[in-house]
Structure formats: structure tokens, C-alpha cells
Amino acid sequence: MEQKRISVKICVGTACFVQGGADLLLYEDFLDPELLGLCDIEGTSCLGGCKTDDPKWKAPLVEIAGVLYPNVTKQRLAELLREAVDA
């Protein structure tokens, strides 16, 4: 049975771009090729998390399978994708 591909959107709005989103766009340089084969990854305009007063919503934001995650680093992106693939 073929595994469903996971939709991944990396915010490249101004705040996210300058606070690490640009680094996340280089995902081919740091993600496991197996993960790359299971995900559809793209940059996207502002995901809106920075518009809240809640301090936990720090840039950069990433949306994985419809769920928004704040303050994502390269390591955290790899972890989140692994969790999504294994779910």
C-alpha cells in the first residue's frame, strides 16, 4: 500500500524568513532522503501565527498536514516530519 504524501508549508513571510525560514527552505541539504520522498514541501506566504499576542507563536512557522508549528528549527523540522511519517 502506498503511503500518503505529507503536505509541508514553510512560512517565508518577512518575520519567518529572517528568523530561520530561509534556512528551512534548504531542506534538501539536511533532511533524510527517505523523508523527502514522502513529503511535498513548499514555501508559502505568511501563515499568520505572528499576528497573535501569544508568546509561544515565534517564527519561523511550519504547517505539517494542516497543523501549525511555531519556532521550528532544522532539527525540529526533521523530528516533526519523522513523527508525521510514523503516525
Protein backbone atom coordinates (compact mmCIF):
# COMPACT_ATOMS: atom_id res chain seq x y z
CA MET A 1 0.00 0.00 0.00
CA GLU A 2 1.37 3.40 -0.98
CA GLN A 3 1.86 5.87 1.87
CA LYS A 4 0.04 9.18 1.57
CA ARG A 5 2.36 12.13 0.98
CA ILE A 6 2.56 14.72 3.74
CA SER A 7 1.91 18.37 2.91
CA VAL A 8 4.50 20.71 4.42
CA LYS A 9 4.39 24.50 4.14
CA ILE A 10 7.31 26.60 5.32
CA CYS A 11 6.38 30.19 6.05
CA VAL A 12 8.52 32.69 4.17
CA GLY A 13 6.70 35.81 5.29
CA THR A 14 9.13 38.53 6.38
CA ALA A 15 9.36 37.61 10.09
CA CYS A 16 9.65 33.88 9.44
CA PHE A 17 12.10 34.31 6.56
CA VAL A 18 14.59 36.36 8.58
CA GLN A 19 14.20 34.25 11.73
CA GLY A 20 15.04 30.90 10.16
CA GLY A 21 12.51 30.21 7.43
CA ALA A 22 15.17 30.85 4.80
CA ASP A 23 17.32 28.10 6.35
CA LEU A 24 14.37 25.70 6.40
CA LEU A 25 13.92 26.20 2.65
CA LEU A 26 17.28 24.45 2.23
CA TYR A 27 15.60 21.25 3.47
CA GLU A 28 17.21 19.11 0.77
CA ASP A 29 20.57 19.77 2.45
CA PHE A 30 19.59 18.43 5.88
CA LEU A 31 16.56 16.14 5.67
CA ASP A 32 16.81 12.39 5.26
CA PRO A 33 16.14 11.46 1.61
CA GLU A 34 13.52 8.97 2.82
CA LEU A 35 11.56 11.84 4.39
CA LEU A 36 11.93 13.93 1.25
CA GLY A 37 10.34 11.14 -0.74
CA LEU A 38 7.26 11.14 1.50
CA CYS A 39 6.64 14.88 1.74
CA ASP A 40 5.50 17.67 -0.54
CA ILE A 41 7.42 20.67 0.81
CA GLU A 42 6.91 24.24 -0.34
CA GLY A 43 7.47 27.80 0.80
CA THR A 44 4.33 29.81 1.43
CA SER A 45 3.32 33.34 2.33
CA CYS A 46 2.54 34.31 5.91
CA LEU A 47 0.78 31.61 7.92
CA GLY A 48 -0.50 34.20 10.40
CA GLY A 49 0.94 32.87 13.65
CA CYS A 50 2.98 36.01 14.23
CA LYS A 51 -0.22 38.06 14.37
CA THR A 52 -1.12 36.74 17.82
CA ASP A 53 -0.03 38.13 21.19
CA ASP A 54 0.69 34.60 22.45
CA PRO A 55 4.48 34.47 23.06
CA LYS A 56 4.71 30.79 22.07
CA TRP A 57 4.00 31.68 18.42
CA LYS A 58 7.52 32.62 17.39
CA ALA A 59 8.84 32.50 13.86
CA PRO A 60 9.54 30.52 11.82
CA LEU A 61 6.25 28.70 11.43
CA VAL A 62 5.70 25.46 9.55
CA GLU A 63 2.42 23.76 8.69
CA ILE A 64 2.56 19.96 8.51
CA ALA A 65 -0.55 18.07 7.42
CA GLY A 66 -2.70 21.06 8.38
CA VAL A 67 -1.16 21.55 11.85
CA LEU A 68 0.79 24.75 12.55
CA TYR A 69 4.07 24.57 14.50
CA PRO A 70 5.95 27.62 15.84
CA ASN A 71 9.67 28.24 16.34
CA VAL A 72 10.77 25.42 14.02
CA THR A 73 14.48 24.73 13.62
CA LYS A 74 16.08 22.38 11.09
CA GLN A 75 16.34 19.67 13.75
CA ARG A 76 12.74 20.20 14.87
CA LEU A 77 11.51 20.04 11.26
CA ALA A 78 13.20 16.67 10.82
CA GLU A 79 11.66 15.42 14.09
CA LEU A 80 8.17 16.64 13.18
CA LEU A 81 8.34 15.06 9.74
CA ARG A 82 9.54 11.76 11.18
CA GLU A 83 6.61 11.81 13.65
CA ALA A 84 4.17 12.57 10.82
CA VAL A 85 5.53 9.76 8.66
CA ASP A 86 5.44 7.26 11.54
CA ALA A 87 1.89 8.20 12.59
